[in-house]
Amino acid sequence: MTNDLFSIKELMSGMAELGAANLMKSLQPKTDDLTQNEAFDKFGQGWVRGHVKNDLVRGYRKGTAKNSPIYYSKLELMTVRNAEKVSRLGVFDNTKI
């Protein structure tokens, strides 16, 4: 029971964090941008690259030059991370989702 409550608390906290990040993105869009190195530091290089490879996360360039930095949406990365937690906990098992 205690483990279930902890899991529910973690999920609710993650959803609240997503809501706050979504609000910040709409109020100050530049705060949502993470450089590739920042994304790797915060979420892990292997994790980010794996989700880019699986088309769950997309990087983008603000410039047209071939060597312009790659940026990621912090909100998008957080959303995928929380979706993984929900999936791992089996929250939507036995549903049509």
PDB file of N, CA and C in Angstrom:
ATOM      1  N   MET A   1       0.827  -1.200   0.000  1.00  0.00           N
ATOM      2  CA  MET A   1       0.000   0.000   0.000  1.00  0.00           C
ATOM      3  C   MET A   1       0.864   1.254   0.000  1.00  0.00           C
ATOM      4  N   THR A   2       1.900   1.262   0.843  1.00  0.00           N
ATOM      5  CA  THR A   2       2.772   2.425   0.913  1.00  0.00           C
ATOM      6  C   THR A   2       3.459   2.651  -0.420  1.00  0.00           C
ATOM      7  N   ASN A   3       3.889   1.568  -1.085  1.00  0.00           N
ATOM      8  CA  ASN A   3       4.529   1.676  -2.387  1.00  0.00           C
ATOM      9  C   ASN A   3       3.563   2.246  -3.419  1.00  0.00           C
ATOM     10  N   ASP A   4       2.285   1.825  -3.377  1.00  0.00           N
ATOM     11  CA  ASP A   4       1.279   2.353  -4.288  1.00  0.00           C
ATOM     12  C   ASP A   4       1.083   3.850  -4.064  1.00  0.00           C
ATOM     13  N   LEU A   5       1.018   4.264  -2.812  1.00  0.00           N
ATOM     14  CA  LEU A   5       0.845   5.685  -2.514  1.00  0.00           C
ATOM     15  C   LEU A   5       2.041   6.494  -2.989  1.00  0.00           C
ATOM     16  N   PHE A   6       3.233   5.944  -2.817  1.00  0.00           N
ATOM     17  CA  PHE A   6       4.431   6.626  -3.290  1.00  0.00           C
ATOM     18  C   PHE A   6       4.389   6.781  -4.805  1.00  0.00           C
ATOM     19  N   SER A   7       3.987   5.735  -5.510  1.00  0.00           N
ATOM     20  CA  SER A   7       3.898   5.787  -6.971  1.00  0.00           C
ATOM     21  C   SER A   7       2.879   6.821  -7.422  1.00  0.00           C
ATOM     22  N   ILE A   8       1.730   6.851  -6.767  1.00  0.00           N
ATOM     23  CA  ILE A   8       0.695   7.833  -7.101  1.00  0.00           C
ATOM     24  C   ILE A   8       1.202   9.251  -6.843  1.00  0.00           C
ATOM     25  N   LYS A   9       1.884   9.441  -5.723  1.00  0.00           N
ATOM     26  CA  LYS A   9       2.450  10.756  -5.400  1.00  0.00           C
ATOM     27  C   LYS A   9       3.451  11.187  -6.467  1.00  0.00           C
ATOM     28  N   GLU A  10       4.316  10.259  -6.890  1.00  0.00           N
ATOM     29  CA  GLU A  10       5.312  10.567  -7.919  1.00  0.00           C
ATOM     30  C   GLU A  10       4.646  10.932  -9.245  1.00  0.00           C
ATOM     31  N   LEU A  11       3.597  10.197  -9.620  1.00  0.00           N
ATOM     32  CA  LEU A  11       2.879  10.492 -10.860  1.00  0.00           C
ATOM     33  C   LEU A  11       2.214  11.861 -10.803  1.00  0.00           C
ATOM     34  N   MET A  12       1.577  12.153  -9.694  1.00  0.00           N
ATOM     35  CA  MET A  12       0.897  13.445  -9.551  1.00  0.00           C
ATOM     36  C   MET A  12       1.906  14.586  -9.563  1.00  0.00           C
ATOM     37  N   SER A  13       3.030  14.375  -8.930  1.00  0.00           N
ATOM     38  CA  SER A  13       4.080  15.387  -8.925  1.00  0.00           C
ATOM     39  C   SER A  13       4.599  15.620 -10.338  1.00  0.00           C
ATOM     40  N   GLY A  14       4.780  14.552 -11.096  1.00  0.00           N
ATOM     41  CA  GLY A  14       5.238  14.672 -12.481  1.00  0.00           C
ATOM     42  C   GLY A  14       4.242  15.408 -13.351  1.00  0.00           C
ATOM     43  N   MET A  15       2.966  15.144 -13.151  1.00  0.00           N
ATOM     44  CA  MET A  15       1.935  15.828 -13.934  1.00  0.00           C
ATOM     45  C   MET A  15       1.872  17.324 -13.582  1.00  0.00           C
ATOM     46  N   ALA A  16       2.040  17.628 -12.306  1.00  0.00           N
ATOM     47  CA  ALA A  16       2.067  19.034 -11.891  1.00  0.00           C
ATOM     48  C   ALA A  16       3.277  19.739 -12.504  1.00  0.00           C
ATOM     49  N   GLU A  17       4.399  19.036 -12.541  1.00  0.00           N
ATOM     50  CA  GLU A  17       5.615  19.588 -13.145  1.00  0.00           C
ATOM     51  C   GLU A  17       5.394  19.862 -14.634  1.00  0.00           C
ATOM     52  N   LEU A  18       4.700  18.966 -15.313  1.00  0.00           N
ATOM     53  CA  LEU A  18       4.382  19.177 -16.733  1.00  0.00           C
ATOM     54  C   LEU A  18       3.479  20.388 -16.922  1.00  0.00           C
ATOM     55  N   GLY A  19       2.507  20.541 -16.053  1.00  0.00           N
ATOM     56  CA  GLY A  19       1.609  21.692 -16.135  1.00  0.00           C
ATOM     57  C   GLY A  19       2.374  22.999 -15.966  1.00  0.00           C
ATOM     58  N   ALA A  20       3.281  23.033 -15.009  1.00  0.00           N
ATOM     59  CA  ALA A  20       4.089  24.233 -14.783  1.00  0.00           C
ATOM     60  C   ALA A  20       4.989  24.508 -15.982  1.00  0.00           C
ATOM     61  N   ALA A  21       5.584  23.464 -16.549  1.00  0.00           N
ATOM     62  CA  ALA A  21       6.457  23.640 -17.715  1.00  0.00           C
ATOM     63  C   ALA A  21       5.661  24.126 -18.918  1.00  0.00           C
ATOM     64  N   ASN A  22       4.438  23.636 -19.065  1.00  0.00           N
ATOM     65  CA  ASN A  22       3.577  24.076 -20.159  1.00  0.00           C
ATOM     66  C   ASN A  22       3.217  25.554 -20.003  1.00  0.00           C
ATOM     67  N   LEU A  23       2.926  25.965 -18.798  1.00  0.00           N
ATOM     68  CA  LEU A  23       2.625  27.373 -18.535  1.00  0.00           C
ATOM     69  C   LEU A  23       3.836  28.247 -18.836  1.00  0.00           C
ATOM     70  N   MET A  24       5.013  27.817 -18.375  1.00  0.00           N
ATOM     71  CA  MET A  24       6.229  28.590 -18.628  1.00  0.00           C
ATOM     72  C   MET A  24       6.509  28.698 -20.130  1.00  0.00           C
ATOM     73  N   LYS A  25       6.257  27.621 -20.857  1.00  0.00           N
ATOM     74  CA  LYS A  25       6.481  27.648 -22.306  1.00  0.00           C
ATOM     75  C   LYS A  25       5.562  28.660 -22.978  1.00  0.00           C
ATOM     76  N   SER A  26       4.323  28.740 -22.526  1.00  0.00           N
ATOM     77  CA  SER A  26       3.395  29.680 -23.146  1.00  0.00           C
ATOM     78  C   SER A  26       3.695  31.130 -22.744  1.00  0.00           C
ATOM     79  N   LEU A  27       4.203  31.333 -21.528  1.00  0.00           N
ATOM     80  CA  LEU A  27       4.526  32.692 -21.081  1.00  0.00           C
ATOM     81  C   LEU A  27       5.885  33.159 -21.580  1.00  0.00           C
ATOM     82  N   GLN A  28       6.854  32.273 -21.557  1.00  0.00           N
ATOM     83  CA  GLN A  28       8.222  32.603 -21.966  1.00  0.00           C
ATOM     84  C   GLN A  28       8.775  31.457 -22.807  1.00  0.00           C
ATOM     85  N   PRO A  29       8.465  31.444 -24.095  1.00  0.00           N
ATOM     86  CA  PRO A  29       8.837  30.316 -24.953  1.00  0.00           C
ATOM     87  C   PRO A  29      10.329  29.973 -24.937  1.00  0.00           C
ATOM     88  N   LYS A  30      11.190  30.944 -24.756  1.00  0.00           N
ATOM     89  CA  LYS A  30      12.630  30.663 -24.774  1.00  0.00           C
ATOM     90  C   LYS A  30      13.063  29.788 -23.605  1.00  0.00           C
ATOM     91  N   THR A  31      12.295  29.773 -22.517  1.00  0.00           N
ATOM     92  CA  THR A  31      12.667  28.949 -21.367  1.00  0.00           C
ATOM     93  C   THR A  31      12.490  27.465 -21.654  1.00  0.00           C
ATOM     94  N   ASP A  32      11.775  27.132 -22.729  1.00  0.00           N
ATOM     95  CA  ASP A  32      11.549  25.731 -23.067  1.00  0.00           C
ATOM     96  C   ASP A  32      12.703  25.140 -23.868  1.00  0.00           C
ATOM     97  N   ASP A  33      13.532  25.970 -24.452  1.00  0.00           N
ATOM     98  CA  ASP A  33      14.626  25.495 -25.298  1.00  0.00           C
ATOM     99  C   ASP A  33      15.797  24.980 -24.481  1.00  0.00           C
ATOM    100  N   LEU A  34      16.232  23.776 -24.786  1.00  0.00           N
ATOM    101  CA  LEU A  34      17.447  23.213 -24.210  1.00  0.00           C
ATOM    102  C   LEU A  34      18.401  22.906 -25.354  1.00  0.00           C
ATOM    103  N   THR A  35      19.661  23.302 -25.227  1.00  0.00           N
ATOM    104  CA  THR A  35      20.638  22.874 -26.214  1.00  0.00           C
ATOM    105  C   THR A  35      20.810  21.368 -26.085  1.00  0.00           C
ATOM    106  N   GLN A  36      21.411  20.776 -27.077  1.00  0.00           N
ATOM    107  CA  GLN A  36      21.617  19.330 -27.030  1.00  0.00           C
ATOM    108  C   GLN A  36      22.424  18.937 -25.799  1.00  0.00           C
ATOM    109  N   ASN A  37      23.470  19.705 -25.492  1.00  0.00           N
ATOM    110  CA  ASN A  37      24.289  19.386 -24.313  1.00  0.00           C
ATOM    111  C   ASN A  37      23.491  19.516 -23.021  1.00  0.00           C
ATOM    112  N   GLU A  38      22.642  20.537 -22.929  1.00  0.00           N
ATOM    113  CA  GLU A  38      21.800  20.696 -21.738  1.00  0.00           C
ATOM    114  C   GLU A  38      20.821  19.529 -21.609  1.00  0.00           C
ATOM    115  N   ALA A  39      20.253  19.113 -22.740  1.00  0.00           N
ATOM    116  CA  ALA A  39      19.321  17.973 -22.728  1.00  0.00           C
ATOM    117  C   ALA A  39      20.045  16.702 -22.287  1.00  0.00           C
ATOM    118  N   PHE A  40      21.275  16.522 -22.785  1.00  0.00           N
ATOM    119  CA  PHE A  40      22.051  15.342 -22.394  1.00  0.00           C
ATOM    120  C   PHE A  40      22.367  15.374 -20.903  1.00  0.00           C
ATOM    121  N   ASP A  41      22.722  16.552 -20.391  1.00  0.00           N
ATOM    122  CA  ASP A  41      23.041  16.677 -18.965  1.00  0.00           C
ATOM    123  C   ASP A  41      21.830  16.383 -18.090  1.00  0.00           C
ATOM    124  N   LYS A  42      20.676  16.890 -18.496  1.00  0.00           N
ATOM    125  CA  LYS A  42      19.482  16.770 -17.662  1.00  0.00           C
ATOM    126  C   LYS A  42      18.800  15.392 -17.776  1.00  0.00           C
ATOM    127  N   PHE A  43      18.788  14.820 -18.973  1.00  0.00           N
ATOM    128  CA  PHE A  43      18.032  13.591 -19.210  1.00  0.00           C
ATOM    129  C   PHE A  43      18.901  12.382 -19.550  1.00  0.00           C
ATOM    130  N   GLY A  44      20.147  12.605 -19.857  1.00  0.00           N
ATOM    131  CA  GLY A  44      21.058  11.522 -20.220  1.00  0.00           C
ATOM    132  C   GLY A  44      21.194  11.393 -21.729  1.00  0.00           C
ATOM    133  N   GLN A  45      22.426  11.312 -22.190  1.00  0.00           N
ATOM    134  CA  GLN A  45      22.681  11.263 -23.628  1.00  0.00           C
ATOM    135  C   GLN A  45      22.038  10.050 -24.283  1.00  0.00           C
ATOM    136  N   GLY A  46      22.200   8.894 -23.693  1.00  0.00           N
ATOM    137  CA  GLY A  46      21.626   7.681 -24.271  1.00  0.00           C
ATOM    138  C   GLY A  46      20.114   7.722 -24.322  1.00  0.00           C
ATOM    139  N   TRP A  47      19.513   8.264 -23.265  1.00  0.00           N
ATOM    140  CA  TRP A  47      18.056   8.358 -23.198  1.00  0.00           C
ATOM    141  C   TRP A  47      17.538   9.269 -24.306  1.00  0.00           C
ATOM    142  N   VAL A  48      18.152  10.452 -24.447  1.00  0.00           N
ATOM    143  CA  VAL A  48      17.715  11.409 -25.482  1.00  0.00           C
ATOM    144  C   VAL A  48      17.923  10.814 -26.868  1.00  0.00           C
ATOM    145  N   ARG A  49      19.110  10.301 -27.122  1.00  0.00           N
ATOM    146  CA  ARG A  49      19.397   9.731 -28.455  1.00  0.00           C
ATOM    147  C   ARG A  49      18.458   8.560 -28.775  1.00  0.00           C
ATOM    148  N   GLY A  50      18.153   7.742 -27.795  1.00  0.00           N
ATOM    149  CA  GLY A  50      17.242   6.621 -28.011  1.00  0.00           C
ATOM    150  C   GLY A  50      15.850   7.077 -28.408  1.00  0.00           C
ATOM    151  N   HIS A  51      15.371   8.119 -27.755  1.00  0.00           N
ATOM    152  CA  HIS A  51      14.025   8.607 -28.067  1.00  0.00           C
ATOM    153  C   HIS A  51      13.987   9.407 -29.362  1.00  0.00           C
ATOM    154  N   VAL A  52      15.102  10.030 -29.724  1.00  0.00           N
ATOM    155  CA  VAL A  52      15.190  10.675 -31.038  1.00  0.00           C
ATOM    156  C   VAL A  52      15.129   9.596 -32.117  1.00  0.00           C
ATOM    157  N   LYS A  53      15.871   8.520 -31.913  1.00  0.00           N
ATOM    158  CA  LYS A  53      15.896   7.416 -32.874  1.00  0.00           C
ATOM    159  C   LYS A  53      14.509   6.806 -33.050  1.00  0.00           C
ATOM    160  N   ASN A  54      13.734   6.731 -31.975  1.00  0.00           N
ATOM    161  CA  ASN A  54      12.380   6.160 -32.024  1.00  0.00           C
ATOM    162  C   ASN A  54      11.309   7.194 -32.373  1.00  0.00           C
ATOM    163  N   ASP A  55      11.729   8.390 -32.761  1.00  0.00           N
ATOM    164  CA  ASP A  55      10.824   9.485 -33.161  1.00  0.00           C
ATOM    165  C   ASP A  55       9.856   9.917 -32.062  1.00  0.00           C
ATOM    166  N   LEU A  56      10.254   9.758 -30.802  1.00  0.00           N
ATOM    167  CA  LEU A  56       9.427  10.255 -29.701  1.00  0.00           C
ATOM    168  C   LEU A  56       9.834  11.680 -29.314  1.00  0.00           C
ATOM    169  N   VAL A  57      11.041  12.066 -29.692  1.00  0.00           N
ATOM    170  CA  VAL A  57      11.579  13.394 -29.398  1.00  0.00           C
ATOM    171  C   VAL A  57      12.221  13.916 -30.669  1.00  0.00           C
ATOM    172  N   ARG A  58      12.053  15.207 -30.914  1.00  0.00           N
ATOM    173  CA  ARG A  58      12.648  15.819 -32.101  1.00  0.00           C
ATOM    174  C   ARG A  58      13.532  16.992 -31.718  1.00  0.00           C
ATOM    175  N   GLY A  59      14.710  17.007 -32.287  1.00  0.00           N
ATOM    176  CA  GLY A  59      15.586  18.159 -32.149  1.00  0.00           C
ATOM    177  C   GLY A  59      15.330  19.106 -33.312  1.00  0.00           C
ATOM    178  N   TYR A  60      15.690  20.357 -33.134  1.00  0.00           N
ATOM    179  CA  TYR A  60      15.506  21.337 -34.205  1.00  0.00           C
ATOM    180  C   TYR A  60      16.636  22.353 -34.157  1.00  0.00           C
ATOM    181  N   ARG A  61      16.898  22.940 -35.289  1.00  0.00           N
ATOM    182  CA  ARG A  61      17.921  23.973 -35.399  1.00  0.00           C
ATOM    183  C   ARG A  61      17.234  25.306 -35.611  1.00  0.00           C
ATOM    184  N   LYS A  62      17.728  26.326 -34.926  1.00  0.00           N
ATOM    185  CA  LYS A  62      17.172  27.666 -35.106  1.00  0.00           C
ATOM    186  C   LYS A  62      17.798  28.356 -36.310  1.00  0.00           C
ATOM    187  N   GLY A  63      19.019  27.977 -36.619  1.00  0.00           N
ATOM    188  CA  GLY A  63      19.708  28.572 -37.755  1.00  0.00           C
ATOM    189  C   GLY A  63      19.664  27.676 -38.967  1.00  0.00           C
ATOM    190  N   THR A  64      20.149  28.211 -40.079  1.00  0.00           N
ATOM    191  CA  THR A  64      20.154  27.440 -41.317  1.00  0.00           C
ATOM    192  C   THR A  64      21.495  26.769 -41.573  1.00  0.00           C
ATOM    193  N   ALA A  65      22.519  27.156 -40.821  1.00  0.00           N
ATOM    194  CA  ALA A  65      23.847  26.574 -41.019  1.00  0.00           C
ATOM    195  C   ALA A  65      23.872  25.118 -40.569  1.00  0.00           C
ATOM    196  N   LYS A  66      24.720  24.349 -41.217  1.00  0.00           N
ATOM    197  CA  LYS A  66      24.838  22.931 -40.907  1.00  0.00           C
ATOM    198  C   LYS A  66      25.321  22.703 -39.471  1.00  0.00           C
ATOM    199  N   ASN A  67      26.104  23.646 -38.949  1.00  0.00           N
ATOM    200  CA  ASN A  67      26.658  23.488 -37.607  1.00  0.00           C
ATOM    201  C   ASN A  67      25.920  24.305 -36.547  1.00  0.00           C
ATOM    202  N   SER A  68      24.730  24.801 -36.871  1.00  0.00           N
ATOM    203  CA  SER A  68      23.966  25.531 -35.844  1.00  0.00           C
ATOM    204  C   SER A  68      23.517  24.540 -34.776  1.00  0.00           C
ATOM    205  N   PRO A  69      23.438  25.006 -33.520  1.00  0.00           N
ATOM    206  CA  PRO A  69      23.143  24.075 -32.418  1.00  0.00           C
ATOM    207  C   PRO A  69      21.765  23.417 -32.550  1.00  0.00           C
ATOM    208  N   ILE A  70      21.682  22.202 -32.040  1.00  0.00           N
ATOM    209  CA  ILE A  70      20.416  21.474 -32.001  1.00  0.00           C
ATOM    210  C   ILE A  70      19.759  21.770 -30.657  1.00  0.00           C
ATOM    211  N   TYR A  71      18.476  22.080 -30.692  1.00  0.00           N
ATOM    212  CA  TYR A  71      17.696  22.362 -29.493  1.00  0.00           C
ATOM    213  C   TYR A  71      16.605  21.311 -29.332  1.00  0.00           C
ATOM    214  N   TYR A  72      16.224  21.108 -28.092  1.00  0.00           N
ATOM    215  CA  TYR A  72      15.114  20.218 -27.760  1.00  0.00           C
ATOM    216  C   TYR A  72      14.133  20.971 -26.876  1.00  0.00           C
ATOM    217  N   SER A  73      12.877  20.580 -26.937  1.00  0.00           N
ATOM    218  CA  SER A  73      11.856  21.146 -26.068  1.00  0.00           C
ATOM    219  C   SER A  73      11.920  20.444 -24.707  1.00  0.00           C
ATOM    220  N   LYS A  74      12.128  21.233 -23.676  1.00  0.00           N
ATOM    221  CA  LYS A  74      12.159  20.675 -22.325  1.00  0.00           C
ATOM    222  C   LYS A  74      10.820  20.016 -22.003  1.00  0.00           C
ATOM    223  N   LEU A  75       9.729  20.642 -22.406  1.00  0.00           N
ATOM    224  CA  LEU A  75       8.397  20.090 -22.153  1.00  0.00           C
ATOM    225  C   LEU A  75       8.226  18.739 -22.845  1.00  0.00           C
ATOM    226  N   GLU A  76       8.684  18.632 -24.072  1.00  0.00           N
ATOM    227  CA  GLU A  76       8.573  17.363 -24.800  1.00  0.00           C
ATOM    228  C   GLU A  76       9.379  16.260 -24.112  1.00  0.00           C
ATOM    229  N   LEU A  77      10.588  16.584 -23.678  1.00  0.00           N
ATOM    230  CA  LEU A  77      11.418  15.601 -22.983  1.00  0.00           C
ATOM    231  C   LEU A  77      10.774  15.171 -21.665  1.00  0.00           C
ATOM    232  N   MET A  78      10.244  16.126 -20.930  1.00  0.00           N
ATOM    233  CA  MET A  78       9.593  15.821 -19.656  1.00  0.00           C
ATOM    234  C   MET A  78       8.353  14.964 -19.881  1.00  0.00           C
ATOM    235  N   THR A  79       7.614  15.248 -20.944  1.00  0.00           N
ATOM    236  CA  THR A  79       6.398  14.494 -21.239  1.00  0.00           C
ATOM    237  C   THR A  79       6.723  13.027 -21.537  1.00  0.00           C
ATOM    238  N   VAL A  80       7.764  12.800 -22.328  1.00  0.00           N
ATOM    239  CA  VAL A  80       8.163  11.423 -22.642  1.00  0.00           C
ATOM    240  C   VAL A  80       8.641  10.712 -21.377  1.00  0.00           C
ATOM    241  N   ARG A  81       9.399  11.429 -20.548  1.00  0.00           N
ATOM    242  CA  ARG A  81       9.882  10.824 -19.295  1.00  0.00           C
ATOM    243  C   ARG A  81       8.703  10.406 -18.412  1.00  0.00           C
ATOM    244  N   ASN A  82       7.700  11.267 -18.294  1.00  0.00           N
ATOM    245  CA  ASN A  82       6.533  10.937 -17.474  1.00  0.00           C
ATOM    246  C   ASN A  82       5.692   9.831 -18.110  1.00  0.00           C
ATOM    247  N   ALA A  83       5.609   9.813 -19.429  1.00  0.00           N
ATOM    248  CA  ALA A  83       4.875   8.740 -20.110  1.00  0.00           C
ATOM    249  C   ALA A  83       5.543   7.387 -19.841  1.00  0.00           C
ATOM    250  N   GLU A  84       6.868   7.391 -19.801  1.00  0.00           N
ATOM    251  CA  GLU A  84       7.585   6.153 -19.468  1.00  0.00           C
ATOM    252  C   GLU A  84       7.235   5.676 -18.060  1.00  0.00           C
ATOM    253  N   LYS A  85       7.178   6.604 -17.114  1.00  0.00           N
ATOM    254  CA  LYS A  85       6.840   6.235 -15.735  1.00  0.00           C
ATOM    255  C   LYS A  85       5.443   5.631 -15.670  1.00  0.00           C
ATOM    256  N   VAL A  86       4.496   6.266 -16.338  1.00  0.00           N
ATOM    257  CA  VAL A  86       3.119   5.782 -16.331  1.00  0.00           C
ATOM    258  C   VAL A  86       3.051   4.389 -16.961  1.00  0.00           C
ATOM    259  N   SER A  87       3.771   4.204 -18.057  1.00  0.00           N
ATOM    260  CA  SER A  87       3.781   2.907 -18.731  1.00  0.00           C
ATOM    261  C   SER A  87       4.425   1.842 -17.853  1.00  0.00           C
ATOM    262  N   ARG A  88       5.526   2.185 -17.216  1.00  0.00           N
ATOM    263  CA  ARG A  88       6.237   1.235 -16.357  1.00  0.00           C
ATOM    264  C   ARG A  88       5.371   0.791 -15.186  1.00  0.00           C
ATOM    265  N   LEU A  89       4.557   1.705 -14.671  1.00  0.00           N
ATOM    266  CA  LEU A  89       3.687   1.377 -13.542  1.00  0.00           C
ATOM    267  C   LEU A  89       2.414   0.652 -13.977  1.00  0.00           C
ATOM    268  N   GLY A  90       2.169   0.592 -15.280  1.00  0.00           N
ATOM    269  CA  GLY A  90       1.001  -0.121 -15.791  1.00  0.00           C
ATOM    270  C   GLY A  90      -0.305   0.595 -15.522  1.00  0.00           C
ATOM    271  N   VAL A  91      -0.255   1.922 -15.457  1.00  0.00           N
ATOM    272  CA  VAL A  91      -1.442   2.702 -15.130  1.00  0.00           C
ATOM    273  C   VAL A  91      -2.573   2.448 -16.137  1.00  0.00           C
ATOM    274  N   PHE A  92      -2.235   2.294 -17.406  1.00  0.00           N
ATOM    275  CA  PHE A  92      -3.247   2.135 -18.418  1.00  0.00           C
ATOM    276  C   PHE A  92      -3.389   0.692 -18.913  1.00  0.00           C
ATOM    277  N   ASP A  93      -2.848  -0.241 -18.158  1.00  0.00           N
ATOM    278  CA  ASP A  93      -3.043  -1.645 -18.516  1.00  0.00           C
ATOM    279  C   ASP A  93      -4.536  -1.969 -18.477  1.00  0.00           C
ATOM    280  N   ASN A  94      -4.944  -2.837 -19.369  1.00  0.00           N
ATOM    281  CA  ASN A  94      -6.355  -3.245 -19.475  1.00  0.00           C
ATOM    282  C   ASN A  94      -7.285  -2.103 -19.865  1.00  0.00           C
ATOM    283  N   THR A  95      -6.739  -1.117 -20.568  1.00  0.00           N
ATOM    284  CA  THR A  95      -7.563  -0.054 -21.138  1.00  0.00           C
ATOM    285  C   THR A  95      -7.337  -0.046 -22.639  1.00  0.00           C
ATOM    286  N   LYS A  96      -8.053   0.774 -23.351  1.00  0.00           N
ATOM    287  CA  LYS A  96      -7.919   0.831 -24.808  1.00  0.00           C
ATOM    288  C   LYS A  96      -6.849   1.823 -25.256  1.00  0.00           C
ATOM    289  N   ILE A  97      -6.127   2.386 -24.341  1.00  0.00           N
ATOM    290  CA  ILE A  97      -5.078   3.352 -24.695  1.00  0.00           C
ATOM    291  C   ILE A  97      -3.830   2.626 -25.083  1.00  0.00           C
TER     292      ILE A  97
END
